[in-house]
C-alpha atoms as a PDB file:
ATOM      1  CA  LEU A   1       8.912  26.556  -6.987  1.00  0.00           C
ATOM      2  CA  ARG A   2       5.170  27.285  -7.207  1.00  0.00           C
ATOM      3  CA  TRP A   3       4.386  23.608  -7.338  1.00  0.00           C
ATOM      4  CA  ARG A   4       1.221  23.804  -5.250  1.00  0.00           C
ATOM      5  CA  ARG A   5      -0.230  26.339  -7.703  1.00  0.00           C
ATOM      6  CA  ALA A   6       0.670  24.051 -10.600  1.00  0.00           C
ATOM      7  CA  SER A   7      -0.863  21.115  -8.729  1.00  0.00           C
ATOM      8  CA  ALA A   8      -4.111  23.017  -8.193  1.00  0.00           C
ATOM      9  CA  VAL A   9      -4.420  23.676 -11.938  1.00  0.00           C
ATOM     10  CA  ALA A  10      -3.605  20.050 -12.734  1.00  0.00           C
ATOM     11  CA  THR A  11      -6.078  18.788 -10.134  1.00  0.00           C
ATOM     12  CA  GLU A  12      -8.877  20.744 -11.793  1.00  0.00           C
ATOM     13  CA  ALA A  13      -7.937  19.450 -15.238  1.00  0.00           C
ATOM     14  CA  LEU A  14      -7.326  15.817 -14.221  1.00  0.00           C
ATOM     15  CA  ARG A  15      -9.975  15.343 -11.532  1.00  0.00           C
ATOM     16  CA  GLN A  16     -11.413  12.291 -13.284  1.00  0.00           C
ATOM     17  CA  THR A  17      -7.980  10.722 -13.896  1.00  0.00           C
ATOM     18  CA  PRO A  18      -6.078  10.663 -10.595  1.00  0.00           C
ATOM     19  CA  SER A  19      -3.329   8.397 -11.980  1.00  0.00           C
ATOM     20  CA  ALA A  20      -2.477  11.080 -14.542  1.00  0.00           C
ATOM     21  CA  LEU A  21      -2.476  13.681 -11.768  1.00  0.00           C
ATOM     22  CA  ALA A  22      -0.061  11.524  -9.758  1.00  0.00           C
ATOM     23  CA  ALA A  23       2.191  11.196 -12.812  1.00  0.00           C
ATOM     24  CA  PHE A  24       2.184  14.964 -13.396  1.00  0.00           C
ATOM     25  CA  GLU A  25       2.891  15.823  -9.758  1.00  0.00           C
ATOM     26  CA  GLY A  26       5.604  13.163  -9.531  1.00  0.00           C
ATOM     27  CA  ALA A  27       7.315  14.547 -12.632  1.00  0.00           C
ATOM     28  CA  LEU A  28       6.958  18.127 -11.390  1.00  0.00           C
ATOM     29  CA  LEU A  29       8.522  17.429  -7.986  1.00  0.00           C
ATOM     30  CA  ASP A  30      11.195  15.227  -9.545  1.00  0.00           C
ATOM     31  CA  ALA A  31      12.169  18.116 -11.855  1.00  0.00           C
ATOM     32  CA  LEU A  32      12.232  20.580  -8.958  1.00  0.00           C
ATOM     33  CA  CYS A  33      14.394  18.270  -6.852  1.00  0.00           C
ATOM     34  CA  ARG A  34      16.792  17.399  -9.681  1.00  0.00           C
ATOM     35  CA  ARG A  35      17.232  21.105 -10.409  1.00  0.00           C
ATOM     36  CA  SER A  36      18.049  21.664  -6.722  1.00  0.00           C
ATOM     37  CA  ARG A  37      20.194  18.494  -6.485  1.00  0.00           C
ATOM     38  CA  LEU A  38      17.912  17.249  -3.745  1.00  0.00           C
ATOM     39  CA  SER A  39      16.425  13.779  -3.422  1.00  0.00           C
ATOM     40  CA  LEU A  40      12.656  13.399  -3.279  1.00  0.00           C
ATOM     41  CA  TRP A  41      13.162  11.511  -0.007  1.00  0.00           C
ATOM     42  CA  ASP A  42      14.857  14.589   1.487  1.00  0.00           C
ATOM     43  CA  PHE A  43      12.159  16.842   0.006  1.00  0.00           C
ATOM     44  CA  PHE A  44       9.465  14.947   1.914  1.00  0.00           C
ATOM     45  CA  GLY A  45      11.415  15.182   5.176  1.00  0.00           C
ATOM     46  CA  GLY A  46      14.015  12.397   5.232  1.00  0.00           C
ATOM     47  CA  ALA A  47      12.438  10.773   8.288  1.00  0.00           C
ATOM     48  CA  ASP A  48      13.225   7.073   7.735  1.00  0.00           C
ATOM     49  CA  PRO A  49      16.115   5.847   5.559  1.00  0.00           C
ATOM     50  CA  GLU A  50      14.401   2.576   4.683  1.00  0.00           C
ATOM     51  CA  LEU A  51      11.080   0.765   4.397  1.00  0.00           C
ATOM     52  CA  VAL A  52      10.350  -2.950   4.711  1.00  0.00           C
ATOM     53  CA  SER A  53       7.713  -4.151   2.249  1.00  0.00           C
ATOM     54  CA  ASP A  54       5.383  -7.095   2.305  1.00  0.00           C
ATOM     55  CA  ILE A  55       4.896  -9.227  -0.800  1.00  0.00           C
ATOM     56  CA  THR A  56       1.609 -10.395  -2.274  1.00  0.00           C
ATOM     57  CA  ILE A  57       0.724 -14.059  -2.639  1.00  0.00           C
ATOM     58  CA  PRO A  58      -1.000 -14.026  -6.045  1.00  0.00           C
ATOM     59  CA  THR A  59      -4.447 -15.487  -6.531  1.00  0.00           C
ATOM     60  CA  GLY A  60      -4.546 -19.100  -7.631  1.00  0.00           C
ATOM     61  CA  SER A  61      -4.681 -22.603  -6.234  1.00  0.00           C
ATOM     62  CA  PRO A  62      -3.682 -23.607  -2.695  1.00  0.00           C
ATOM     63  CA  GLU A  63      -0.627 -25.323  -4.184  1.00  0.00           C
ATOM     64  CA  HIS A  64       0.416 -22.145  -5.965  1.00  0.00           C
ATOM     65  CA  ALA A  65      -0.121 -20.186  -2.745  1.00  0.00           C
ATOM     66  CA  ARG A  66       2.094 -22.616  -0.818  1.00  0.00           C
ATOM     67  CA  ASP A  67       4.871 -22.410  -3.401  1.00  0.00           C
ATOM     68  CA  SER A  68       4.671 -18.594  -3.482  1.00  0.00           C
ATOM     69  CA  ALA A  69       4.833 -18.418   0.312  1.00  0.00           C
ATOM     70  CA  GLU A  70       7.878 -20.691   0.397  1.00  0.00           C
ATOM     71  CA  ARG A  71       9.681 -18.497  -2.163  1.00  0.00           C
ATOM     72  CA  ALA A  72       8.789 -15.361  -0.226  1.00  0.00           C
ATOM     73  CA  VAL A  73      10.181 -16.753   3.024  1.00  0.00           C
ATOM     74  CA  ARG A  74      13.402 -17.815   1.317  1.00  0.00           C
ATOM     75  CA  ALA A  75      13.753 -14.280  -0.038  1.00  0.00           C
ATOM     76  CA  GLY A  76      13.502 -12.848   3.478  1.00  0.00           C
ATOM     77  CA  PHE A  77       9.919 -11.593   3.557  1.00  0.00           C
ATOM     78  CA  THR A  78       8.228 -11.747   6.952  1.00  0.00           C
ATOM     79  CA  THR A  79       4.860 -10.192   5.998  1.00  0.00           C
ATOM     80  CA  LEU A  80       2.681 -11.750   3.316  1.00  0.00           C
ATOM     81  CA  LYS A  81      -0.297 -10.023   1.735  1.00  0.00           C
ATOM     82  CA  VAL A  82      -3.110 -12.366   0.745  1.00  0.00           C
ATOM     83  CA  LYS A  83      -6.034 -11.497  -1.500  1.00  0.00           C
ATOM     84  CA  VAL A  84      -9.296 -12.902  -0.112  1.00  0.00           C
ATOM     85  CA  GLY A  85     -13.001 -12.608  -0.810  1.00  0.00           C
ATOM     86  CA  GLY A  86     -15.089 -12.577  -3.924  1.00  0.00           C
ATOM     87  CA  SER A  87     -18.042 -14.671  -4.963  1.00  0.00           C
ATOM     88  CA  SER A  88     -18.343 -17.996  -3.080  1.00  0.00           C
ATOM     89  CA  ALA A  89     -14.704 -17.765  -1.979  1.00  0.00           C
ATOM     90  CA  ALA A  90     -14.926 -18.850   1.667  1.00  0.00           C
ATOM     91  CA  LEU A  91     -13.693 -22.441   1.210  1.00  0.00           C
ATOM     92  CA  HIS A  92     -11.046 -21.435  -1.324  1.00  0.00           C
ATOM     93  CA  ASP A  93      -9.755 -18.678   0.992  1.00  0.00           C
ATOM     94  CA  HIS A  94      -9.527 -21.133   3.873  1.00  0.00           C
ATOM     95  CA  GLN A  95      -7.607 -23.649   1.754  1.00  0.00           C
ATOM     96  CA  ARG A  96      -5.177 -21.031   0.432  1.00  0.00           C
ATOM     97  CA  LEU A  97      -4.571 -19.525   3.888  1.00  0.00           C
ATOM     98  CA  SER A  98      -3.974 -22.977   5.359  1.00  0.00           C
ATOM     99  CA  ALA A  99      -1.420 -23.718   2.627  1.00  0.00           C
ATOM    100  CA  ILE A 100       0.323 -20.369   3.182  1.00  0.00           C
ATOM    101  CA  LEU A 101       0.504 -20.865   6.936  1.00  0.00           C
ATOM    102  CA  ALA A 102       1.889 -24.369   6.488  1.00  0.00           C
ATOM    103  CA  ALA A 103       4.663 -22.978   4.289  1.00  0.00           C
ATOM    104  CA  ALA A 104       5.269 -19.850   6.378  1.00  0.00           C
ATOM    105  CA  PRO A 105       4.149 -20.639   9.939  1.00  0.00           C
ATOM    106  CA  ASN A 106       5.741 -17.524  11.443  1.00  0.00           C
ATOM    107  CA  ALA A 107       4.648 -15.030   8.813  1.00  0.00           C
ATOM    108  CA  LYS A 108       2.573 -11.974   9.556  1.00  0.00           C
ATOM    109  CA  LEU A 109      -0.475 -11.708   7.307  1.00  0.00           C
ATOM    110  CA  VAL A 110      -2.210  -8.761   5.676  1.00  0.00           C
ATOM    111  CA  LEU A 111      -5.598  -9.824   4.314  1.00  0.00           C
ATOM    112  CA  ASP A 112      -6.999  -7.747   1.450  1.00  0.00           C
ATOM    113  CA  ALA A 113     -10.614  -8.277   0.393  1.00  0.00           C
ATOM    114  CA  ASN A 114     -10.795  -5.329  -2.021  1.00  0.00           C
ATOM    115  CA  ALA A 115     -14.253  -4.391  -0.687  1.00  0.00           C
ATOM    116  CA  SER A 116     -15.694  -7.784  -1.690  1.00  0.00           C
ATOM    117  CA  LEU A 117     -17.169  -9.087   1.575  1.00  0.00           C
ATOM    118  CA  ARG A 118     -20.052  -8.394   3.879  1.00  0.00           C
ATOM    119  CA  ALA A 119     -19.150  -7.825   7.514  1.00  0.00           C
ATOM    120  CA  ALA A 120     -20.471 -11.238   8.577  1.00  0.00           C
ATOM    121  CA  GLU A 121     -18.376 -12.960   5.896  1.00  0.00           C
ATOM    122  CA  ALA A 122     -15.243 -11.085   6.931  1.00  0.00           C
ATOM    123  CA  LEU A 123     -15.778 -12.010  10.574  1.00  0.00           C
ATOM    124  CA  ALA A 124     -16.373 -15.669   9.653  1.00  0.00           C
ATOM    125  CA  LEU A 125     -13.117 -15.688   7.657  1.00  0.00           C
ATOM    126  CA  LEU A 126     -11.196 -14.418  10.674  1.00  0.00           C
ATOM    127  CA  GLU A 127     -12.802 -16.914  13.023  1.00  0.00           C
ATOM    128  CA  GLY A 128     -11.987 -19.713  10.597  1.00  0.00           C
ATOM    129  CA  LEU A 129      -8.290 -19.000  11.129  1.00  0.00           C
ATOM    130  CA  GLY A 130      -8.550 -20.148  14.755  1.00  0.00           C
ATOM    131  CA  GLN A 131      -5.303 -19.637  16.649  1.00  0.00           C
ATOM    132  CA  HIS A 132      -3.671 -18.222  13.504  1.00  0.00           C
ATOM    133  CA  LYS A 133      -5.869 -15.128  13.660  1.00  0.00           C
ATOM    134  CA  LYS A 134      -3.219 -13.519  15.857  1.00  0.00           C
ATOM    135  CA  GLN A 135      -0.901 -13.538  12.823  1.00  0.00           C
ATOM    136  CA  VAL A 136      -3.223 -11.173  10.939  1.00  0.00           C
ATOM    137  CA  VAL A 137      -1.687  -7.741  11.472  1.00  0.00           C
ATOM    138  CA  LEU A 138      -4.160  -5.946   9.187  1.00  0.00           C
ATOM    139  CA  PHE A 139      -7.448  -6.595   7.361  1.00  0.00           C
ATOM    140  CA  GLU A 140      -7.540  -4.246   4.395  1.00  0.00           C
ATOM    141  CA  GLN A 141     -10.936  -3.051   3.106  1.00  0.00           C
ATOM    142  CA  PRO A 142     -12.987  -6.097   4.121  1.00  0.00           C
ATOM    143  CA  THR A 143     -16.337  -4.506   3.167  1.00  0.00           C
ATOM    144  CA  GLY A 144     -17.682  -2.216   0.450  1.00  0.00           C
ATOM    145  CA  LYS A 145     -16.343   1.237  -0.288  1.00  0.00           C
ATOM    146  CA  LEU A 146     -19.422   2.983   1.135  1.00  0.00           C
ATOM    147  CA  ASP A 147     -20.107   0.434   3.895  1.00  0.00           C
ATOM    148  CA  LEU A 148     -18.547   2.318   6.801  1.00  0.00           C
ATOM    149  CA  ASP A 149     -20.854   0.533   9.255  1.00  0.00           C
ATOM    150  CA  GLY A 150     -19.504  -2.796   7.988  1.00  0.00           C
ATOM    151  CA  LEU A 151     -15.915  -1.631   8.370  1.00  0.00           C
ATOM    152  CA  ARG A 152     -16.640  -0.528  11.922  1.00  0.00           C
ATOM    153  CA  GLN A 153     -18.321  -3.864  12.708  1.00  0.00           C
ATOM    154  CA  VAL A 154     -15.284  -5.828  11.526  1.00  0.00           C
ATOM    155  CA  ARG A 155     -13.008  -3.486  13.455  1.00  0.00           C
ATOM    156  CA  GLU A 156     -14.993  -3.824  16.681  1.00  0.00           C
ATOM    157  CA  GLN A 157     -15.725  -7.554  16.522  1.00  0.00           C
ATOM    158  CA  GLY A 158     -12.911  -9.050  14.453  1.00  0.00           C
ATOM    159  CA  GLY A 159     -10.054  -8.640  16.893  1.00  0.00           C
ATOM    160  CA  VAL A 160      -7.624  -7.388  14.203  1.00  0.00           C
ATOM    161  CA  PRO A 161      -6.809  -3.876  12.912  1.00  0.00           C
ATOM    162  CA  VAL A 162      -8.827  -2.760   9.883  1.00  0.00           C
ATOM    163  CA  ALA A 163      -7.566  -0.495   7.096  1.00  0.00           C
ATOM    164  CA  ALA A 164      -9.430   1.529   4.479  1.00  0.00           C
ATOM    165  CA  ASP A 165      -8.284   1.488   0.862  1.00  0.00           C
ATOM    166  CA  GLU A 166     -11.161   1.970  -1.573  1.00  0.00           C
ATOM    167  CA  SER A 167     -12.962   3.996   1.113  1.00  0.00           C
ATOM    168  CA  ALA A 168     -10.028   6.428   1.437  1.00  0.00           C
ATOM    169  CA  CYS A 169      -9.361   8.400  -1.747  1.00  0.00           C
ATOM    170  CA  SER A 170      -9.103  11.917  -0.307  1.00  0.00           C
ATOM    171  CA  ALA A 171      -8.567  13.825   2.910  1.00  0.00           C
ATOM    172  CA  ALA A 172     -12.347  14.324   3.085  1.00  0.00           C
ATOM    173  CA  ASP A 173     -12.807  10.532   2.935  1.00  0.00           C
ATOM    174  CA  VAL A 174     -10.332  10.115   5.788  1.00  0.00           C
ATOM    175  CA  SER A 175     -12.291  12.637   7.848  1.00  0.00           C
ATOM    176  CA  ARG A 176     -15.503  10.655   7.261  1.00  0.00           C
ATOM    177  CA  LEU A 177     -13.800   7.418   8.302  1.00  0.00           C
ATOM    178  CA  ILE A 178     -12.515   9.088  11.464  1.00  0.00           C
ATOM    179  CA  ALA A 179     -15.974  10.407  12.327  1.00  0.00           C
ATOM    180  CA  ALA A 180     -17.466   6.932  11.807  1.00  0.00           C
ATOM    181  CA  ARG A 181     -14.729   5.270  13.896  1.00  0.00           C
ATOM    182  CA  ALA A 182     -14.579   2.768  11.068  1.00  0.00           C
ATOM    183  CA  VAL A 183     -10.878   1.905  10.732  1.00  0.00           C
ATOM    184  CA  ASP A 184      -7.502   1.773  12.447  1.00  0.00           C
ATOM    185  CA  ALA A 185      -5.376   2.583   9.387  1.00  0.00           C
ATOM    186  CA  ILE A 186      -5.430   4.288   5.993  1.00  0.00           C
ATOM    187  CA  ASN A 187      -3.827   2.902   2.840  1.00  0.00           C
ATOM    188  CA  VAL A 188      -2.333   5.868   0.983  1.00  0.00           C
ATOM    189  CA  LYS A 189      -1.941   5.333  -2.775  1.00  0.00           C
ATOM    190  CA  THR A 190      -0.849   8.211  -4.961  1.00  0.00           C
ATOM    191  CA  MET A 191      -2.700   6.702  -7.940  1.00  0.00           C
ATOM    192  CA  LYS A 192      -5.993   7.268  -6.111  1.00  0.00           C
ATOM    193  CA  CYS A 193      -5.551  10.985  -5.597  1.00  0.00           C
ATOM    194  CA  GLY A 194      -2.174  12.404  -6.632  1.00  0.00           C
ATOM    195  CA  LEU A 195       0.799  13.326  -4.473  1.00  0.00           C
ATOM    196  CA  VAL A 196      -0.476  16.559  -2.938  1.00  0.00           C
ATOM    197  CA  GLU A 197      -3.778  15.048  -1.830  1.00  0.00           C
ATOM    198  CA  ALA A 198      -1.867  12.034  -0.492  1.00  0.00           C
ATOM    199  CA  MET A 199       0.107  14.468   1.674  1.00  0.00           C
ATOM    200  CA  ASN A 200      -3.201  15.908   2.916  1.00  0.00           C
ATOM    201  CA  MET A 201      -4.506  12.429   3.707  1.00  0.00           C
ATOM    202  CA  ILE A 202      -1.379  11.638   5.715  1.00  0.00           C
ATOM    203  CA  ALA A 203      -1.761  14.821   7.763  1.00  0.00           C
ATOM    204  CA  VAL A 204      -5.448  14.191   8.551  1.00  0.00           C
ATOM    205  CA  ALA A 205      -4.884  10.524   9.432  1.00  0.00           C
ATOM    206  CA  ARG A 206      -1.862  11.275  11.585  1.00  0.00           C
ATOM    207  CA  GLY A 207      -3.747  14.006  13.435  1.00  0.00           C
ATOM    208  CA  ALA A 208      -6.422  11.475  14.400  1.00  0.00           C
ATOM    209  CA  GLY A 209      -3.933   8.844  15.496  1.00  0.00           C
ATOM    210  CA  LEU A 210      -4.622   6.432  12.625  1.00  0.00           C
ATOM    211  CA  GLU A 211      -1.848   4.159  11.404  1.00  0.00           C
ATOM    212  CA  LEU A 212      -0.506   4.637   7.895  1.00  0.00           C
ATOM    213  CA  MET A 213       0.039   2.211   5.050  1.00  0.00           C
ATOM    214  CA  ILE A 214       1.719   3.029   1.734  1.00  0.00           C
ATOM    215  CA  GLY A 215       0.497   0.971  -1.194  1.00  0.00           C
ATOM    216  CA  GLY A 216      -0.087   1.147  -4.903  1.00  0.00           C
ATOM    217  CA  MET A 217      -1.842  -0.249  -7.929  1.00  0.00           C
ATOM    218  CA  VAL A 218       0.065  -2.325 -10.495  1.00  0.00           C
ATOM    219  CA  GLU A 219       2.918   0.175 -10.822  1.00  0.00           C
ATOM    220  CA  SER A 220       6.500   0.241 -12.043  1.00  0.00           C
ATOM    221  CA  LYS A 221       9.552   0.987  -9.921  1.00  0.00           C
ATOM    222  CA  LEU A 222       9.430   4.625 -11.064  1.00  0.00           C
ATOM    223  CA  SER A 223       5.995   5.218  -9.577  1.00  0.00           C
ATOM    224  CA  MET A 224       6.645   3.033  -6.542  1.00  0.00           C
ATOM    225  CA  THR A 225       9.908   4.856  -5.745  1.00  0.00           C
ATOM    226  CA  VAL A 226       7.991   8.137  -5.657  1.00  0.00           C
ATOM    227  CA  SER A 227       5.546   6.568  -3.178  1.00  0.00           C
ATOM    228  CA  ALA A 228       8.443   5.139  -1.160  1.00  0.00           C
ATOM    229  CA  CYS A 229      10.057   8.591  -0.967  1.00  0.00           C
ATOM    230  CA  LEU A 230       6.746  10.027   0.250  1.00  0.00           C
ATOM    231  CA  ALA A 231       6.344   7.378   2.954  1.00  0.00           C
ATOM    232  CA  ALA A 232       9.948   7.175   4.134  1.00  0.00           C
ATOM    233  CA  GLY A 233      10.394  10.932   3.905  1.00  0.00           C
ATOM    234  CA  SER A 234       7.238  11.588   5.920  1.00  0.00           C
ATOM    235  CA  GLY A 235       7.936   8.763   8.378  1.00  0.00           C
ATOM    236  CA  GLY A 236       5.633   6.784  10.606  1.00  0.00           C
ATOM    237  CA  PHE A 237       4.287   4.246   8.101  1.00  0.00           C
ATOM    238  CA  SER A 238       3.532   0.981   9.890  1.00  0.00           C
ATOM    239  CA  PHE A 239       2.598  -0.985   6.770  1.00  0.00           C
ATOM    240  CA  VAL A 240       4.382  -1.038   3.400  1.00  0.00           C
ATOM    241  CA  ASP A 241       3.008  -2.701   0.269  1.00  0.00           C
ATOM    242  CA  LEU A 242       5.220  -1.685  -2.663  1.00  0.00           C
ATOM    243  CA  ASP A 243       5.781  -5.046  -4.282  1.00  0.00           C
ATOM    244  CA  THR A 244       4.409  -4.836  -7.830  1.00  0.00           C
ATOM    245  CA  PRO A 245       7.766  -3.981  -9.496  1.00  0.00           C
ATOM    246  CA  TRP A 246       8.981  -7.437  -8.444  1.00  0.00           C
ATOM    247  CA  PHE A 247       6.286  -8.985 -10.639  1.00  0.00           C
ATOM    248  CA  MET A 248       7.374  -7.076 -13.772  1.00  0.00           C
ATOM    249  CA  LYS A 249       9.845  -8.579 -16.220  1.00  0.00           C
ATOM    250  CA  ASP A 250      12.353  -6.552 -18.221  1.00  0.00           C
ATOM    251  CA  ALA A 251      11.105  -3.110 -17.171  1.00  0.00           C
ATOM    252  CA  PRO A 252      13.536  -0.587 -18.764  1.00  0.00           C
ATOM    253  CA  LEU A 253      14.177   1.282 -15.519  1.00  0.00           C
ATOM    254  CA  GLU A 254      17.294   1.844 -13.425  1.00  0.00           C
ATOM    255  CA  GLY A 255      18.013   3.588 -10.130  1.00  0.00           C
ATOM    256  CA  GLY A 256      15.501   4.528  -7.473  1.00  0.00           C
ATOM    257  CA  TRP A 257      15.445   2.650  -4.210  1.00  0.00           C
ATOM    258  CA  LEU A 258      18.146   0.143  -3.325  1.00  0.00           C
ATOM    259  CA  GLU A 259      16.683  -3.188  -2.327  1.00  0.00           C
ATOM    260  CA  GLN A 260      17.862  -6.132  -0.316  1.00  0.00           C
ATOM    261  CA  GLY A 261      15.073  -8.669  -0.051  1.00  0.00           C
ATOM    262  CA  PRO A 262      12.092  -6.794   1.389  1.00  0.00           C
ATOM    263  CA  THR A 263      14.155  -3.784   2.544  1.00  0.00           C
ATOM    264  CA  LEU A 264      14.034  -0.637   0.418  1.00  0.00           C
ATOM    265  CA  ARG A 265      16.665   2.029   1.105  1.00  0.00           C
ATOM    266  CA  LEU A 266      15.902   5.602   0.056  1.00  0.00           C
ATOM    267  CA  ASP A 267      18.838   7.529   1.524  1.00  0.00           C
ATOM    268  CA  GLU A 268      21.178   6.659  -1.371  1.00  0.00           C
ATOM    269  CA  ILE A 269      19.069   8.585  -3.896  1.00  0.00           C
ATOM    270  CA  ARG A 270      20.958  11.732  -4.857  1.00  0.00           C
ATOM    271  CA  SER A 271      18.530  13.658  -7.057  1.00  0.00           C
ATOM    272  CA  GLY A 272      14.767  13.553  -7.531  1.00  0.00           C
ATOM    273  CA  HIS A 273      13.328  10.057  -7.373  1.00  0.00           C
ATOM    274  CA  GLY A 274      16.545   8.718  -8.887  1.00  0.00           C
ATOM    275  CA  VAL A 275      14.886   6.542 -11.526  1.00  0.00           C
ATOM    276  CA  THR A 276      16.067   6.706 -15.123  1.00  0.00           C
ATOM    277  CA  CYS A 277      14.806   4.994 -18.259  1.00  0.00           C
ATOM    278  CA  ARG A 278      17.218   2.605 -19.946  1.00  0.00           C
ATOM    279  CA  LEU A 279      17.126   3.245 -23.674  1.00  0.00           C
ATOM    280  CA  ARG A 280      16.689   0.191 -25.856  1.00  0.00           C
ATOM    281  CA  ASP A 281      18.756  -0.446 -28.979  1.00  0.00           C
END
């Protein structure tokens, strides 16, 4: 029951390895909830029974982007996340986005530059979309991790909401972003900071009226279900990016969320995060 004390000890020991801290805290709270016959979704508040995730269009050629977008639409996805940016990527980004929009003309877009652009490049990318810019519901980390002025410039001049990812790894980071008026939303990832600090980030962001996004690294369904329980249990997450388990083949995991296309239901979990490992012969 003294899980915050245990977390404080683990945080000190694992400060340089936040993914290990997230794994420890996830296992600790899962054990507590299983012992109490309580789901992790209930533990975090049971606010929303389900989440609706986007799906990422992987990097590659415009043709590959078009085919991926077509498959995503057939599977019921309405929000597509597109990686953009990088060295000399402007023309390639434009070609890929054009192919995606041709295949999914009604899709909402989340652009993710992974801190790879300057503010002027990010703004030029948005302007290059023309009338389709209105389909961009979020621009995630367009500029560098420490470039809060660049984030604010894109936010003020780009005409689309801007989210921090690499710039938001702690509650203190969120406070700095709020003071700089740099973003509209925060992408919360447990692998950046652990579960307890993610809870702190949510509280600080919510108190300032920022929107919330739940995301992740390249994680299995076990880890992503923990994040889903955090987001759906806490409630109020406008953006959901929990798609990496769909890109993993033959993962030996069962249980966790129930999915139907992009919809993830958490209210059927009966104990802990509900994920079990399937033993191989």
